[in-house]
Structures are given as C-alpha cells and as structure tokens.
Amino acid sequence: MTVQALAMITVTDRESLGAYREKAAEALAKHGGSVVAADPAPLILEAAVDKPDMAALLSFPNADAAKAWREDPALADIHALRNKGGKSTIVVLPA
C-alpha cells in the first residue's frame, strides 16, 4: 500500500541543505520514493515546536520502503547533509 511521508525542516545551514537537495531525488528513487510536492515557505497553521522553514510531501510504495530509505547505510552521507542543514521531522502516513 502506498504511503506518504511529510518532511518538515527548520533550516540551520542553507549550504548543506542545498547540497542535500541536489542528491535527494536520486536517494528517494533508490527505494521507490519520489517528491509529490515541496514548498520552501509553507503556510504554517500551527507548530508545537520550531516552525519548519520548508516542507515536502514524499511518496513511497509502502512503509517498509520508507524505512529502508531512511535506514540505508549507503545513503547515510546524504541523510547527514539534511541533518547538518537543519532540524527535520519526517512522518509516514498511510495513503
């Protein structure tokens, strides 16, 4: 069953985040994922913690593929770029 993942990032280092964005699509595709929509300045209706500066809606074939993308040791350097670039929260939701 297809799942969506909502990625919310509070930017702390734009250069590192830019380097991540150059590699992100290929890393997602490795596990069947893709970007459905992204917004560098999302409309925030409510934030319990730091307000995210950007948000992306990702799609994966299933929850296992989403977990495999995040836990893939071959992608650790790419995830490290995202984490260096900002504080991120990624939540998987059923489609």
N, C-alpha and C. Protein backbone atom coordinates (compact mmCIF):
# COMPACT_ATOMS: atom_id res chain seq x y z
N MET A 1 0.84 -1.17 0.00
CA MET A 1 0.00 0.00 0.00
C MET A 1 0.89 1.25 0.00
N THR A 2 0.63 2.15 -0.90
CA THR A 2 1.39 3.40 -1.00
C THR A 2 1.24 4.21 0.29
N VAL A 3 2.35 4.82 0.72
CA VAL A 3 2.32 5.70 1.88
C VAL A 3 2.91 7.04 1.49
N GLN A 4 2.53 8.05 2.23
CA GLN A 4 3.09 9.39 2.07
C GLN A 4 3.94 9.67 3.30
N ALA A 5 4.96 10.50 3.10
CA ALA A 5 5.77 10.94 4.23
C ALA A 5 5.85 12.46 4.17
N LEU A 6 5.59 13.09 5.28
CA LEU A 6 5.67 14.54 5.37
C LEU A 6 7.00 14.89 6.02
N ALA A 7 7.84 15.60 5.30
CA ALA A 7 9.14 16.04 5.81
C ALA A 7 9.06 17.53 6.10
N MET A 8 9.37 17.90 7.33
CA MET A 8 9.36 19.30 7.74
C MET A 8 10.75 19.64 8.25
N ILE A 9 11.34 20.72 7.73
CA ILE A 9 12.71 21.07 8.07
C ILE A 9 12.79 22.51 8.54
N THR A 10 13.46 22.70 9.68
CA THR A 10 13.82 24.03 10.16
C THR A 10 15.27 24.22 9.76
N VAL A 11 15.52 25.13 8.85
CA VAL A 11 16.85 25.30 8.23
C VAL A 11 17.82 25.97 9.20
N THR A 12 19.03 25.37 9.30
CA THR A 12 20.10 25.96 10.10
C THR A 12 21.35 26.23 9.26
N ASP A 13 21.48 25.54 8.11
CA ASP A 13 22.65 25.70 7.24
C ASP A 13 22.18 25.52 5.80
N ARG A 14 21.92 26.63 5.13
CA ARG A 14 21.37 26.58 3.77
C ARG A 14 22.30 25.90 2.77
N GLU A 15 23.61 26.07 2.94
CA GLU A 15 24.56 25.45 2.01
C GLU A 15 24.49 23.92 2.08
N SER A 16 24.48 23.37 3.28
CA SER A 16 24.38 21.91 3.43
C SER A 16 23.04 21.41 2.93
N LEU A 17 21.99 22.15 3.20
CA LEU A 17 20.67 21.73 2.73
C LEU A 17 20.59 21.77 1.21
N GLY A 18 21.25 22.76 0.60
CA GLY A 18 21.31 22.82 -0.86
C GLY A 18 22.03 21.62 -1.43
N ALA A 19 23.13 21.21 -0.79
CA ALA A 19 23.86 20.02 -1.23
C ALA A 19 22.99 18.78 -1.09
N TYR A 20 22.20 18.71 -0.03
CA TYR A 20 21.27 17.59 0.16
C TYR A 20 20.23 17.55 -0.96
N ARG A 21 19.66 18.69 -1.27
CA ARG A 21 18.60 18.75 -2.29
C ARG A 21 19.09 18.29 -3.65
N GLU A 22 20.38 18.49 -3.94
CA GLU A 22 20.93 18.02 -5.22
C GLU A 22 20.96 16.50 -5.30
N LYS A 23 20.99 15.82 -4.17
CA LYS A 23 21.11 14.36 -4.14
C LYS A 23 19.84 13.65 -3.68
N ALA A 24 18.89 14.39 -3.17
CA ALA A 24 17.72 13.80 -2.52
C ALA A 24 16.86 12.96 -3.46
N ALA A 25 16.59 13.45 -4.66
CA ALA A 25 15.69 12.72 -5.58
C ALA A 25 16.26 11.34 -5.93
N GLU A 26 17.55 11.29 -6.20
CA GLU A 26 18.18 10.01 -6.54
C GLU A 26 18.14 9.05 -5.34
N ALA A 27 18.36 9.58 -4.14
CA ALA A 27 18.30 8.75 -2.93
C ALA A 27 16.89 8.21 -2.70
N LEU A 28 15.89 9.05 -2.90
CA LEU A 28 14.50 8.60 -2.76
C LEU A 28 14.17 7.52 -3.78
N ALA A 29 14.58 7.74 -5.02
CA ALA A 29 14.26 6.81 -6.11
C ALA A 29 14.85 5.43 -5.85
N LYS A 30 15.97 5.37 -5.15
CA LYS A 30 16.61 4.08 -4.85
C LYS A 30 15.64 3.15 -4.11
N HIS A 31 14.71 3.70 -3.38
CA HIS A 31 13.75 2.90 -2.61
C HIS A 31 12.31 3.13 -3.09
N GLY A 32 12.17 3.55 -4.35
CA GLY A 32 10.85 3.73 -4.94
C GLY A 32 10.14 4.99 -4.52
N GLY A 33 10.86 5.91 -3.87
CA GLY A 33 10.25 7.14 -3.39
C GLY A 33 10.33 8.27 -4.39
N SER A 34 9.50 9.27 -4.17
CA SER A 34 9.50 10.47 -5.01
C SER A 34 8.93 11.64 -4.22
N VAL A 35 9.22 12.84 -4.71
CA VAL A 35 8.66 14.05 -4.12
C VAL A 35 7.33 14.33 -4.82
N VAL A 36 6.26 14.40 -4.05
CA VAL A 36 4.93 14.72 -4.58
C VAL A 36 4.78 16.23 -4.67
N ALA A 37 5.20 16.92 -3.63
CA ALA A 37 5.11 18.38 -3.58
C ALA A 37 6.14 18.88 -2.58
N ALA A 38 6.62 20.08 -2.82
CA ALA A 38 7.57 20.70 -1.89
C ALA A 38 7.32 22.19 -1.87
N ASP A 39 7.59 22.80 -0.72
CA ASP A 39 7.38 24.24 -0.58
C ASP A 39 8.49 24.81 0.31
N PRO A 40 9.29 25.73 -0.23
CA PRO A 40 10.35 26.33 0.57
C PRO A 40 9.84 27.34 1.60
N ALA A 41 8.56 27.66 1.55
CA ALA A 41 7.96 28.59 2.51
C ALA A 41 6.51 28.18 2.77
N PRO A 42 6.31 27.04 3.44
CA PRO A 42 4.94 26.55 3.63
C PRO A 42 4.12 27.43 4.56
N LEU A 43 2.84 27.43 4.33
CA LEU A 43 1.90 28.11 5.23
C LEU A 43 1.76 27.25 6.48
N ILE A 44 2.18 27.76 7.60
CA ILE A 44 2.14 27.02 8.87
C ILE A 44 0.88 27.44 9.62
N LEU A 45 0.01 26.50 9.89
CA LEU A 45 -1.21 26.80 10.64
C LEU A 45 -1.00 26.64 12.14
N GLU A 46 -0.10 25.73 12.52
CA GLU A 46 0.17 25.51 13.93
C GLU A 46 1.48 24.76 14.05
N ALA A 47 2.30 25.11 15.04
CA ALA A 47 3.58 24.43 15.25
C ALA A 47 3.84 24.28 16.74
N ALA A 48 3.96 23.06 17.19
CA ALA A 48 4.21 22.79 18.60
C ALA A 48 5.67 23.03 18.97
N VAL A 49 6.54 22.92 17.99
CA VAL A 49 7.97 23.13 18.19
C VAL A 49 8.44 24.17 17.18
N ASP A 50 9.71 24.16 16.84
CA ASP A 50 10.22 25.12 15.86
C ASP A 50 9.38 25.08 14.58
N LYS A 51 9.01 26.24 14.10
CA LYS A 51 8.24 26.34 12.86
C LYS A 51 9.14 25.88 11.70
N PRO A 52 8.69 24.92 10.89
CA PRO A 52 9.52 24.48 9.76
C PRO A 52 9.62 25.58 8.70
N ASP A 53 10.81 25.71 8.13
CA ASP A 53 11.04 26.67 7.04
C ASP A 53 10.67 26.08 5.70
N MET A 54 10.65 24.77 5.61
CA MET A 54 10.29 24.11 4.36
C MET A 54 9.61 22.79 4.66
N ALA A 55 8.84 22.34 3.69
CA ALA A 55 8.12 21.07 3.85
C ALA A 55 8.08 20.36 2.50
N ALA A 56 8.07 19.03 2.56
CA ALA A 56 7.95 18.23 1.35
C ALA A 56 7.05 17.04 1.64
N LEU A 57 6.25 16.69 0.67
CA LEU A 57 5.42 15.50 0.74
C LEU A 57 6.06 14.46 -0.15
N LEU A 58 6.43 13.33 0.45
CA LEU A 58 7.10 12.25 -0.28
C LEU A 58 6.14 11.09 -0.44
N SER A 59 6.39 10.26 -1.44
CA SER A 59 5.58 9.07 -1.65
C SER A 59 6.50 7.87 -1.75
N PHE A 60 6.09 6.77 -1.13
CA PHE A 60 6.83 5.51 -1.18
C PHE A 60 5.84 4.38 -1.48
N PRO A 61 6.33 3.29 -2.06
CA PRO A 61 5.43 2.16 -2.36
C PRO A 61 4.77 1.58 -1.11
N ASN A 62 5.49 1.63 0.04
CA ASN A 62 4.96 1.10 1.29
C ASN A 62 5.82 1.62 2.44
N ALA A 63 5.40 1.35 3.66
CA ALA A 63 6.13 1.83 4.83
C ALA A 63 7.52 1.21 4.92
N ASP A 64 7.65 -0.05 4.50
CA ASP A 64 8.96 -0.69 4.53
C ASP A 64 9.95 0.01 3.62
N ALA A 65 9.49 0.47 2.45
CA ALA A 65 10.37 1.21 1.53
C ALA A 65 10.79 2.54 2.15
N ALA A 66 9.88 3.21 2.84
CA ALA A 66 10.22 4.47 3.51
C ALA A 66 11.26 4.24 4.59
N LYS A 67 11.08 3.19 5.39
CA LYS A 67 12.06 2.86 6.42
C LYS A 67 13.40 2.48 5.80
N ALA A 68 13.37 1.73 4.71
CA ALA A 68 14.61 1.32 4.05
C ALA A 68 15.37 2.53 3.53
N TRP A 69 14.65 3.51 3.00
CA TRP A 69 15.29 4.76 2.52
C TRP A 69 16.01 5.44 3.67
N ARG A 70 15.35 5.55 4.81
CA ARG A 70 15.94 6.26 5.95
C ARG A 70 17.08 5.48 6.59
N GLU A 71 17.01 4.15 6.57
CA GLU A 71 17.98 3.32 7.26
C GLU A 71 19.08 2.77 6.35
N ASP A 72 19.06 3.07 5.06
CA ASP A 72 20.03 2.56 4.09
C ASP A 72 21.43 3.10 4.42
N PRO A 73 22.37 2.22 4.80
CA PRO A 73 23.72 2.69 5.14
C PRO A 73 24.42 3.40 3.97
N ALA A 74 24.07 3.02 2.75
CA ALA A 74 24.66 3.66 1.58
C ALA A 74 24.21 5.11 1.42
N LEU A 75 23.12 5.48 2.09
CA LEU A 75 22.59 6.85 2.00
C LEU A 75 22.91 7.68 3.24
N ALA A 76 23.69 7.13 4.16
CA ALA A 76 23.99 7.83 5.42
C ALA A 76 24.59 9.21 5.19
N ASP A 77 25.49 9.34 4.22
CA ASP A 77 26.10 10.64 3.95
C ASP A 77 25.07 11.66 3.45
N ILE A 78 24.10 11.18 2.69
CA ILE A 78 23.06 12.08 2.16
C ILE A 78 22.14 12.53 3.30
N HIS A 79 21.73 11.59 4.15
CA HIS A 79 20.90 11.96 5.31
C HIS A 79 21.67 12.91 6.24
N ALA A 80 22.98 12.70 6.35
CA ALA A 80 23.80 13.57 7.20
C ALA A 80 23.79 15.01 6.67
N LEU A 81 23.76 15.18 5.34
CA LEU A 81 23.67 16.53 4.77
C LEU A 81 22.37 17.20 5.18
N ARG A 82 21.25 16.45 5.12
CA ARG A 82 19.96 17.00 5.52
C ARG A 82 20.00 17.41 6.99
N ASN A 83 20.56 16.53 7.83
CA ASN A 83 20.60 16.81 9.26
C ASN A 83 21.57 17.94 9.60
N LYS A 84 22.62 18.11 8.82
CA LYS A 84 23.51 19.25 9.01
C LYS A 84 22.82 20.54 8.56
N GLY A 85 21.97 20.43 7.56
CA GLY A 85 21.29 21.59 7.01
C GLY A 85 20.13 22.09 7.84
N GLY A 86 19.63 21.25 8.72
CA GLY A 86 18.50 21.69 9.53
C GLY A 86 17.97 20.59 10.43
N LYS A 87 17.01 20.96 11.24
CA LYS A 87 16.33 20.00 12.10
C LYS A 87 15.12 19.50 11.34
N SER A 88 15.06 18.18 11.15
CA SER A 88 13.96 17.65 10.34
C SER A 88 13.11 16.67 11.14
N THR A 89 11.85 16.67 10.78
CA THR A 89 10.89 15.69 11.27
C THR A 89 10.25 15.06 10.05
N ILE A 90 10.26 13.74 9.98
CA ILE A 90 9.68 13.04 8.84
C ILE A 90 8.66 12.04 9.40
N VAL A 91 7.43 12.19 8.98
CA VAL A 91 6.33 11.38 9.49
C VAL A 91 5.69 10.61 8.34
N VAL A 92 5.56 9.29 8.49
CA VAL A 92 4.93 8.46 7.47
C VAL A 92 3.44 8.35 7.78
N LEU A 93 2.64 8.54 6.73
CA LEU A 93 1.18 8.46 6.85
C LEU A 93 0.65 7.49 5.82
N PRO A 94 -0.36 6.71 6.16
CA PRO A 94 -0.95 5.82 5.15
C PRO A 94 -1.66 6.66 4.09
N ALA A 95 -1.66 6.15 2.88
CA ALA A 95 -2.33 6.88 1.78
C ALA A 95 -3.82 6.68 1.83
